[in-house]
C-alpha atoms as a PDB file:
ATOM      1  CA  UNK A   1     226.841 164.969  91.457  1.00  0.00           C
ATOM      2  CA  UNK A   2     224.518 161.999  91.130  1.00  0.00           C
ATOM      3  CA  UNK A   3     227.010 159.650  90.432  1.00  0.00           C
ATOM      4  CA  UNK A   4     229.625 161.306  93.296  1.00  0.00           C
ATOM      5  CA  UNK A   5     226.651 159.806  95.532  1.00  0.00           C
ATOM      6  CA  UNK A   6     225.805 156.977  93.974  1.00  0.00           C
ATOM      7  CA  UNK A   7     229.735 156.098  94.108  1.00  0.00           C
ATOM      8  CA  UNK A   8     229.928 156.878  98.093  1.00  0.00           C
ATOM      9  CA  UNK A   9     227.015 154.349  98.366  1.00  0.00           C
ATOM     10  CA  UNK A  10     228.590 151.855  97.018  1.00  0.00           C
ATOM     11  CA  UNK A  11     231.636 152.426  98.403  1.00  0.00           C
ATOM     12  CA  UNK A  12     229.980 152.899 101.852  1.00  0.00           C
ATOM     13  CA  UNK A  13     227.860 149.642 101.548  1.00  0.00           C
ATOM     14  CA  UNK A  14     231.325 147.330 100.403  1.00  0.00           C
ATOM     15  CA  UNK A  15     233.210 149.073 103.655  1.00  0.00           C
ATOM     16  CA  UNK A  16     230.212 148.268 105.451  1.00  0.00           C
ATOM     17  CA  UNK A  17     229.531 144.930 104.427  1.00  0.00           C
ATOM     18  CA  UNK A  18     233.860 144.188 104.915  1.00  0.00           C
ATOM     19  CA  UNK A  19     233.785 145.337 108.666  1.00  0.00           C
ATOM     20  CA  UNK A  20     230.505 142.877 109.268  1.00  0.00           C
ATOM     21  CA  UNK A  21     232.492 140.122 108.006  1.00  0.00           C
ATOM     22  CA  UNK A  22     235.882 140.825 109.768  1.00  0.00           C
ATOM     23  CA  UNK A  23     233.919 141.049 112.974  1.00  0.00           C
ATOM     24  CA  UNK A  24     232.133 137.814 112.113  1.00  0.00           C
ATOM     25  CA  UNK A  25     235.382 136.151 111.537  1.00  0.00           C
ATOM     26  CA  UNK A  26     236.711 137.487 115.100  1.00  0.00           C
ATOM     27  CA  UNK A  27     233.485 136.520 116.342  1.00  0.00           C
ATOM     28  CA  UNK A  28     233.972 132.805 115.302  1.00  0.00           C
ATOM     29  CA  UNK A  29     237.223 132.945 115.581  1.00  0.00           C
ATOM     30  CA  UNK A  30     236.895 133.629 119.538  1.00  0.00           C
ATOM     31  CA  UNK A  31     234.337 130.937 119.304  1.00  0.00           C
ATOM     32  CA  UNK A  32     236.539 127.989 118.009  1.00  0.00           C
ATOM     33  CA  UNK A  33     239.597 129.002 120.334  1.00  0.00           C
ATOM     34  CA  UNK A  34     237.157 128.671 123.491  1.00  0.00           C
ATOM     35  CA  UNK A  35     238.395 125.179 125.550  1.00  0.00           C
ATOM     36  CA  UNK A  36     241.692 125.240 124.022  1.00  0.00           C
ATOM     37  CA  UNK A  37     243.720 122.185 125.758  1.00  0.00           C
ATOM     38  CA  UNK A  38     246.908 123.440 128.090  1.00  0.00           C
ATOM     39  CA  UNK A  39     249.811 123.911 125.843  1.00  0.00           C
ATOM     40  CA  UNK A  40     252.224 125.883 128.475  1.00  0.00           C
ATOM     41  CA  UNK A  41     254.004 121.984 128.948  1.00  0.00           C
ATOM     42  CA  UNK A  42     254.675 120.745 125.737  1.00  0.00           C
ATOM     43  CA  UNK A  43     257.759 119.491 126.311  1.00  0.00           C
ATOM     44  CA  UNK A  44     256.561 116.871 129.301  1.00  0.00           C
ATOM     45  CA  UNK A  45     254.919 115.006 125.590  1.00  0.00           C
ATOM     46  CA  UNK A  46     258.241 114.365 124.692  1.00  0.00           C
ATOM     47  CA  UNK A  47     258.983 111.903 128.201  1.00  0.00           C
ATOM     48  CA  UNK A  48     260.027 108.353 127.128  1.00  0.00           C
ATOM     49  CA  UNK A  49     257.076 105.760 126.413  1.00  0.00           C
ATOM     50  CA  UNK A  50     258.918 103.005 127.338  1.00  0.00           C
ATOM     51  CA  UNK A  51     258.715 101.124 130.778  1.00  0.00           C
ATOM     52  CA  UNK A  52     262.443  99.313 131.297  1.00  0.00           C
ATOM     53  CA  UNK A  53     262.387  96.371 133.742  1.00  0.00           C
ATOM     54  CA  UNK A  54     265.777  95.197 134.811  1.00  0.00           C
ATOM     55  CA  UNK A  55     267.191  92.177 137.092  1.00  0.00           C
ATOM     56  CA  UNK A  56     268.099  92.859 140.416  1.00  0.00           C
ATOM     57  CA  UNK A  57     271.761  93.924 139.567  1.00  0.00           C
ATOM     58  CA  UNK A  58     270.139  96.945 138.048  1.00  0.00           C
ATOM     59  CA  UNK A  59     271.817  96.502 134.560  1.00  0.00           C
ATOM     60  CA  UNK A  60     270.237  93.153 133.286  1.00  0.00           C
ATOM     61  CA  UNK A  61     267.321  94.347 131.064  1.00  0.00           C
ATOM     62  CA  UNK A  62     264.543  91.333 131.653  1.00  0.00           C
ATOM     63  CA  UNK A  63     261.802  93.149 129.343  1.00  0.00           C
ATOM     64  CA  UNK A  64     261.163  96.553 127.368  1.00  0.00           C
ATOM     65  CA  UNK A  65     257.036  97.658 127.721  1.00  0.00           C
ATOM     66  CA  UNK A  66     255.911 100.976 125.735  1.00  0.00           C
ATOM     67  CA  UNK A  67     252.940 101.429 123.371  1.00  0.00           C
ATOM     68  CA  UNK A  68     254.926 103.715 121.607  1.00  0.00           C
ATOM     69  CA  UNK A  69     259.172 102.588 121.036  1.00  0.00           C
ATOM     70  CA  UNK A  70     260.293 106.127 121.466  1.00  0.00           C
ATOM     71  CA  UNK A  71     263.680 107.847 123.282  1.00  0.00           C
ATOM     72  CA  UNK A  72     263.687 111.097 124.733  1.00  0.00           C
ATOM     73  CA  UNK A  73     267.122 112.868 123.091  1.00  0.00           C
ATOM     74  CA  UNK A  74     268.982 116.068 123.222  1.00  0.00           C
ATOM     75  CA  UNK A  75     269.669 118.672 120.098  1.00  0.00           C
ATOM     76  CA  UNK A  76     273.598 117.284 120.519  1.00  0.00           C
ATOM     77  CA  UNK A  77     272.486 113.623 120.570  1.00  0.00           C
ATOM     78  CA  UNK A  78     270.899 113.560 116.510  1.00  0.00           C
ATOM     79  CA  UNK A  79     273.635 114.071 113.567  1.00  0.00           C
ATOM     80  CA  UNK A  80     273.644 117.337 111.818  1.00  0.00           C
ATOM     81  CA  UNK A  81     271.990 116.120 108.702  1.00  0.00           C
ATOM     82  CA  UNK A  82     269.018 115.127 110.357  1.00  0.00           C
ATOM     83  CA  UNK A  83     268.407 118.366 111.645  1.00  0.00           C
ATOM     84  CA  UNK A  84     269.114 120.306 108.287  1.00  0.00           C
ATOM     85  CA  UNK A  85     267.124 117.467 105.792  1.00  0.00           C
ATOM     86  CA  UNK A  86     264.433 117.704 108.847  1.00  0.00           C
ATOM     87  CA  UNK A  87     264.219 121.215 108.162  1.00  0.00           C
ATOM     88  CA  UNK A  88     264.904 121.342 104.298  1.00  0.00           C
ATOM     89  CA  UNK A  89     262.036 118.484 104.184  1.00  0.00           C
ATOM     90  CA  UNK A  90     259.574 119.575 106.422  1.00  0.00           C
ATOM     91  CA  UNK A  91     259.448 123.416 106.629  1.00  0.00           C
ATOM     92  CA  UNK A  92     262.377 125.247 104.876  1.00  0.00           C
ATOM     93  CA  UNK A  93     261.628 128.651 106.704  1.00  0.00           C
ATOM     94  CA  UNK A  94     261.406 127.342 109.782  1.00  0.00           C
ATOM     95  CA  UNK A  95     263.821 129.562 111.706  1.00  0.00           C
ATOM     96  CA  UNK A  96     262.083 132.637 109.880  1.00  0.00           C
ATOM     97  CA  UNK A  97     258.556 132.190 110.864  1.00  0.00           C
ATOM     98  CA  UNK A  98     256.850 132.214 113.919  1.00  0.00           C
ATOM     99  CA  UNK A  99     255.040 129.171 113.672  1.00  0.00           C
ATOM    100  CA  UNK A 100     252.547 129.818 110.881  1.00  0.00           C
ATOM    101  CA  UNK A 101     254.245 130.171 107.369  1.00  0.00           C
ATOM    102  CA  UNK A 102     251.946 132.741 105.036  1.00  0.00           C
ATOM    103  CA  UNK A 103     254.249 131.566 101.617  1.00  0.00           C
ATOM    104  CA  UNK A 104     253.876 128.335 102.497  1.00  0.00           C
ATOM    105  CA  UNK A 105     250.471 128.628 102.859  1.00  0.00           C
ATOM    106  CA  UNK A 106     249.918 131.325  99.647  1.00  0.00           C
ATOM    107  CA  UNK A 107     251.667 128.076  97.911  1.00  0.00           C
ATOM    108  CA  UNK A 108     249.397 125.130  98.967  1.00  0.00           C
ATOM    109  CA  UNK A 109     246.702 126.923  97.810  1.00  0.00           C
ATOM    110  CA  UNK A 110     247.763 127.561  94.624  1.00  0.00           C
ATOM    111  CA  UNK A 111     249.431 124.224  93.639  1.00  0.00           C
ATOM    112  CA  UNK A 112     245.887 123.004  95.517  1.00  0.00           C
ATOM    113  CA  UNK A 113     243.803 125.213  93.399  1.00  0.00           C
ATOM    114  CA  UNK A 114     245.933 124.246  89.939  1.00  0.00           C
ATOM    115  CA  UNK A 115     245.727 120.577  91.030  1.00  0.00           C
ATOM    116  CA  UNK A 116     242.178 120.002  92.138  1.00  0.00           C
ATOM    117  CA  UNK A 117     243.362 118.520  95.410  1.00  0.00           C
ATOM    118  CA  UNK A 118     245.517 118.730  98.531  1.00  0.00           C
ATOM    119  CA  UNK A 119     248.464 117.559  97.620  1.00  0.00           C
ATOM    120  CA  UNK A 120     250.375 119.941  98.683  1.00  0.00           C
ATOM    121  CA  UNK A 121     250.574 120.613 102.785  1.00  0.00           C
ATOM    122  CA  UNK A 122     251.134 124.187 104.554  1.00  0.00           C
ATOM    123  CA  UNK A 123     251.675 123.088 108.140  1.00  0.00           C
ATOM    124  CA  UNK A 124     254.990 124.106 110.113  1.00  0.00           C
ATOM    125  CA  UNK A 125     257.119 122.212 112.102  1.00  0.00           C
ATOM    126  CA  UNK A 126     255.661 123.998 115.056  1.00  0.00           C
ATOM    127  CA  UNK A 127     252.388 122.984 113.805  1.00  0.00           C
ATOM    128  CA  UNK A 128     252.986 119.472 113.314  1.00  0.00           C
ATOM    129  CA  UNK A 129     254.457 119.253 116.958  1.00  0.00           C
ATOM    130  CA  UNK A 130     251.309 121.026 118.407  1.00  0.00           C
ATOM    131  CA  UNK A 131     249.065 118.267 116.219  1.00  0.00           C
ATOM    132  CA  UNK A 132     250.761 115.398 117.893  1.00  0.00           C
ATOM    133  CA  UNK A 133     250.780 116.465 121.309  1.00  0.00           C
ATOM    134  CA  UNK A 134     248.286 119.213 122.446  1.00  0.00           C
ATOM    135  CA  UNK A 135     245.544 118.384 120.017  1.00  0.00           C
ATOM    136  CA  UNK A 136     246.333 114.704 119.393  1.00  0.00           C
ATOM    137  CA  UNK A 137     242.323 114.016 120.127  1.00  0.00           C
ATOM    138  CA  UNK A 138     241.594 116.319 117.086  1.00  0.00           C
ATOM    139  CA  UNK A 139     243.770 114.984 115.199  1.00  0.00           C
ATOM    140  CA  UNK A 140     241.260 113.444 112.429  1.00  0.00           C
ATOM    141  CA  UNK A 141     239.336 116.875 112.417  1.00  0.00           C
ATOM    142  CA  UNK A 142     239.564 118.239 109.311  1.00  0.00           C
ATOM    143  CA  UNK A 143     237.756 121.279 109.807  1.00  0.00           C
ATOM    144  CA  UNK A 144     238.865 125.241 109.474  1.00  0.00           C
ATOM    145  CA  UNK A 145     238.301 124.958 113.144  1.00  0.00           C
ATOM    146  CA  UNK A 146     240.839 122.554 114.081  1.00  0.00           C
ATOM    147  CA  UNK A 147     243.888 124.373 111.406  1.00  0.00           C
ATOM    148  CA  UNK A 148     242.799 128.102 113.014  1.00  0.00           C
ATOM    149  CA  UNK A 149     243.196 126.412 116.609  1.00  0.00           C
ATOM    150  CA  UNK A 150     246.353 124.823 115.603  1.00  0.00           C
ATOM    151  CA  UNK A 151     247.966 127.652 114.117  1.00  0.00           C
ATOM    152  CA  UNK A 152     246.740 129.529 117.263  1.00  0.00           C
ATOM    153  CA  UNK A 153     248.675 127.440 119.440  1.00  0.00           C
ATOM    154  CA  UNK A 154     251.858 127.228 117.258  1.00  0.00           C
ATOM    155  CA  UNK A 155     252.329 130.522 117.814  1.00  0.00           C
ATOM    156  CA  UNK A 156     251.961 130.676 121.080  1.00  0.00           C
ATOM    157  CA  UNK A 157     254.637 127.763 121.363  1.00  0.00           C
ATOM    158  CA  UNK A 158     256.986 129.688 119.230  1.00  0.00           C
ATOM    159  CA  UNK A 159     256.816 132.649 122.108  1.00  0.00           C
ATOM    160  CA  UNK A 160     257.682 130.271 124.861  1.00  0.00           C
ATOM    161  CA  UNK A 161     259.720 127.936 123.812  1.00  0.00           C
ATOM    162  CA  UNK A 162     263.423 128.223 121.285  1.00  0.00           C
ATOM    163  CA  UNK A 163     263.600 127.003 117.665  1.00  0.00           C
ATOM    164  CA  UNK A 164     266.079 124.438 118.753  1.00  0.00           C
ATOM    165  CA  UNK A 165     263.546 123.081 121.898  1.00  0.00           C
ATOM    166  CA  UNK A 166     260.690 122.518 118.955  1.00  0.00           C
ATOM    167  CA  UNK A 167     262.861 120.963 116.366  1.00  0.00           C
ATOM    168  CA  UNK A 168     264.014 118.735 119.206  1.00  0.00           C
ATOM    169  CA  UNK A 169     260.605 117.796 120.584  1.00  0.00           C
ATOM    170  CA  UNK A 170     259.545 117.375 117.106  1.00  0.00           C
ATOM    171  CA  UNK A 171     261.920 114.835 116.475  1.00  0.00           C
ATOM    172  CA  UNK A 172     261.379 112.934 119.388  1.00  0.00           C
ATOM    173  CA  UNK A 173     257.875 112.821 119.269  1.00  0.00           C
ATOM    174  CA  UNK A 174     257.272 112.090 115.305  1.00  0.00           C
ATOM    175  CA  UNK A 175     256.120 109.002 113.960  1.00  0.00           C
ATOM    176  CA  UNK A 176     258.483 107.424 111.564  1.00  0.00           C
ATOM    177  CA  UNK A 177     255.991 103.840 110.843  1.00  0.00           C
ATOM    178  CA  UNK A 178     254.708 101.286 112.619  1.00  0.00           C
ATOM    179  CA  UNK A 179     255.262 101.897 116.426  1.00  0.00           C
ATOM    180  CA  UNK A 180     258.263 104.178 116.177  1.00  0.00           C
ATOM    181  CA  UNK A 181     258.251 107.323 117.858  1.00  0.00           C
ATOM    182  CA  UNK A 182     261.024 109.846 117.536  1.00  0.00           C
ATOM    183  CA  UNK A 183     264.597 109.571 115.351  1.00  0.00           C
ATOM    184  CA  UNK A 184     266.399 107.957 117.726  1.00  0.00           C
ATOM    185  CA  UNK A 185     264.576 104.912 117.994  1.00  0.00           C
ATOM    186  CA  UNK A 186     263.621 105.394 114.383  1.00  0.00           C
ATOM    187  CA  UNK A 187     267.842 105.107 113.929  1.00  0.00           C
ATOM    188  CA  UNK A 188     268.088 102.231 115.847  1.00  0.00           C
ATOM    189  CA  UNK A 189     265.454 100.048 114.089  1.00  0.00           C
ATOM    190  CA  UNK A 190     266.194 100.886 110.644  1.00  0.00           C
ATOM    191  CA  UNK A 191     269.543 101.378 110.450  1.00  0.00           C
ATOM    192  CA  UNK A 192     270.957  99.766 114.158  1.00  0.00           C
ATOM    193  CA  UNK A 193     272.824 103.391 115.343  1.00  0.00           C
ATOM    194  CA  UNK A 194     272.048 105.986 117.109  1.00  0.00           C
ATOM    195  CA  UNK A 195     270.793 109.292 115.939  1.00  0.00           C
ATOM    196  CA  UNK A 196     274.005 111.038 116.140  1.00  0.00           C
ATOM    197  CA  UNK A 197     275.831 108.411 114.231  1.00  0.00           C
ATOM    198  CA  UNK A 198     273.395 108.828 110.719  1.00  0.00           C
ATOM    199  CA  UNK A 199     275.431 109.425 107.436  1.00  0.00           C
ATOM    200  CA  UNK A 200     273.741 112.160 105.038  1.00  0.00           C
ATOM    201  CA  UNK A 201     272.235 109.436 103.365  1.00  0.00           C
ATOM    202  CA  UNK A 202     270.330 107.914 106.435  1.00  0.00           C
ATOM    203  CA  UNK A 203     269.072 111.198 107.484  1.00  0.00           C
ATOM    204  CA  UNK A 204     267.520 111.860 103.690  1.00  0.00           C
ATOM    205  CA  UNK A 205     265.591 108.561 104.198  1.00  0.00           C
ATOM    206  CA  UNK A 206     264.221 108.969 107.422  1.00  0.00           C
ATOM    207  CA  UNK A 207     263.279 112.554 106.722  1.00  0.00           C
ATOM    208  CA  UNK A 208     260.961 111.532 104.351  1.00  0.00           C
ATOM    209  CA  UNK A 209     259.164 108.853 106.188  1.00  0.00           C
ATOM    210  CA  UNK A 210     256.569 111.861 108.452  1.00  0.00           C
ATOM    211  CA  UNK A 211     254.998 113.048 105.788  1.00  0.00           C
ATOM    212  CA  UNK A 212     253.261 110.028 105.703  1.00  0.00           C
ATOM    213  CA  UNK A 213     254.619 107.097 107.802  1.00  0.00           C
ATOM    214  CA  UNK A 214     252.445 104.316 105.712  1.00  0.00           C
ATOM    215  CA  UNK A 215     253.119 104.835 102.383  1.00  0.00           C
ATOM    216  CA  UNK A 216     256.803 106.333 103.612  1.00  0.00           C
ATOM    217  CA  UNK A 217     257.482 103.521 105.224  1.00  0.00           C
ATOM    218  CA  UNK A 218     261.296 102.533 105.371  1.00  0.00           C
ATOM    219  CA  UNK A 219     260.272  98.457 105.047  1.00  0.00           C
ATOM    220  CA  UNK A 220     256.617  98.453 103.718  1.00  0.00           C
ATOM    221  CA  UNK A 221     256.071 101.853 102.494  1.00  0.00           C
ATOM    222  CA  UNK A 222     255.542 101.544  98.488  1.00  0.00           C
ATOM    223  CA  UNK A 223     256.379 105.294  98.189  1.00  0.00           C
ATOM    224  CA  UNK A 224     259.382 105.063 100.118  1.00  0.00           C
ATOM    225  CA  UNK A 225     261.975 104.848  97.512  1.00  0.00           C
ATOM    226  CA  UNK A 226     260.252 107.448  95.375  1.00  0.00           C
ATOM    227  CA  UNK A 227     260.452 109.884  97.988  1.00  0.00           C
ATOM    228  CA  UNK A 228     263.555 109.532  99.158  1.00  0.00           C
ATOM    229  CA  UNK A 229     265.426 109.718  95.995  1.00  0.00           C
ATOM    230  CA  UNK A 230     263.397 113.117  95.214  1.00  0.00           C
ATOM    231  CA  UNK A 231     264.588 114.254  98.559  1.00  0.00           C
ATOM    232  CA  UNK A 232     268.217 113.373  97.336  1.00  0.00           C
ATOM    233  CA  UNK A 233     267.835 115.346  94.404  1.00  0.00           C
ATOM    234  CA  UNK A 234     266.771 118.498  96.107  1.00  0.00           C
ATOM    235  CA  UNK A 235     269.527 117.900  98.823  1.00  0.00           C
ATOM    236  CA  UNK A 236     272.242 117.552  96.246  1.00  0.00           C
ATOM    237  CA  UNK A 237     270.478 120.503  93.915  1.00  0.00           C
ATOM    238  CA  UNK A 238     270.609 122.519  97.116  1.00  0.00           C
ATOM    239  CA  UNK A 239     274.210 121.818  98.535  1.00  0.00           C
ATOM    240  CA  UNK A 240     273.035 120.057 101.264  1.00  0.00           C
ATOM    241  CA  UNK A 241     275.261 116.941 100.276  1.00  0.00           C
END
């Protein structure tokens, strides 16, 4: 009987501690979500960043001024290879999750714990879109607070936009090295053709760049060829090409 009382006391203490941790987590989480930027008009971020100056005939281009070389496009102006390759490379469960991928998070935790680093990421395409737009000012913040804010906004964006709209916005805004932003600008700069004309091999080559636009830059990136070959092998094994 005494043992039973001691066991109940221990279980009560554990349950109480667990409830306290949950309450504290909720309070801290609520605090972290205060002052969130407006995320209701995320599509407005995809507007072209180029100002074109024309001659009096309204046809002759005199100059193009921009901070980022970005061209707005619709999904039907992008090669199917690009759409499939981007999802396969960046977020293979994109059409299954609601902005946050628990399986991807668990895998990243295991891989990073085994390697002792942060080689594996768990950000979904929606989270990356939020990071590149709404939370751009917090991009350099590596804290758990910023990650929680990013995940929360990503879940809300998934409720407001379709998967196709999210993927198109991501492809329009994601960096592809240097000042090149978006798949259309990247396609024109690196291959001299529109995104709708990209082949499977060209799509694979561009799909590896956003993960690290500096090291995987198609021209100057030291890791570009290795990443391209790795993704290419995976694409063949998966029947992508």
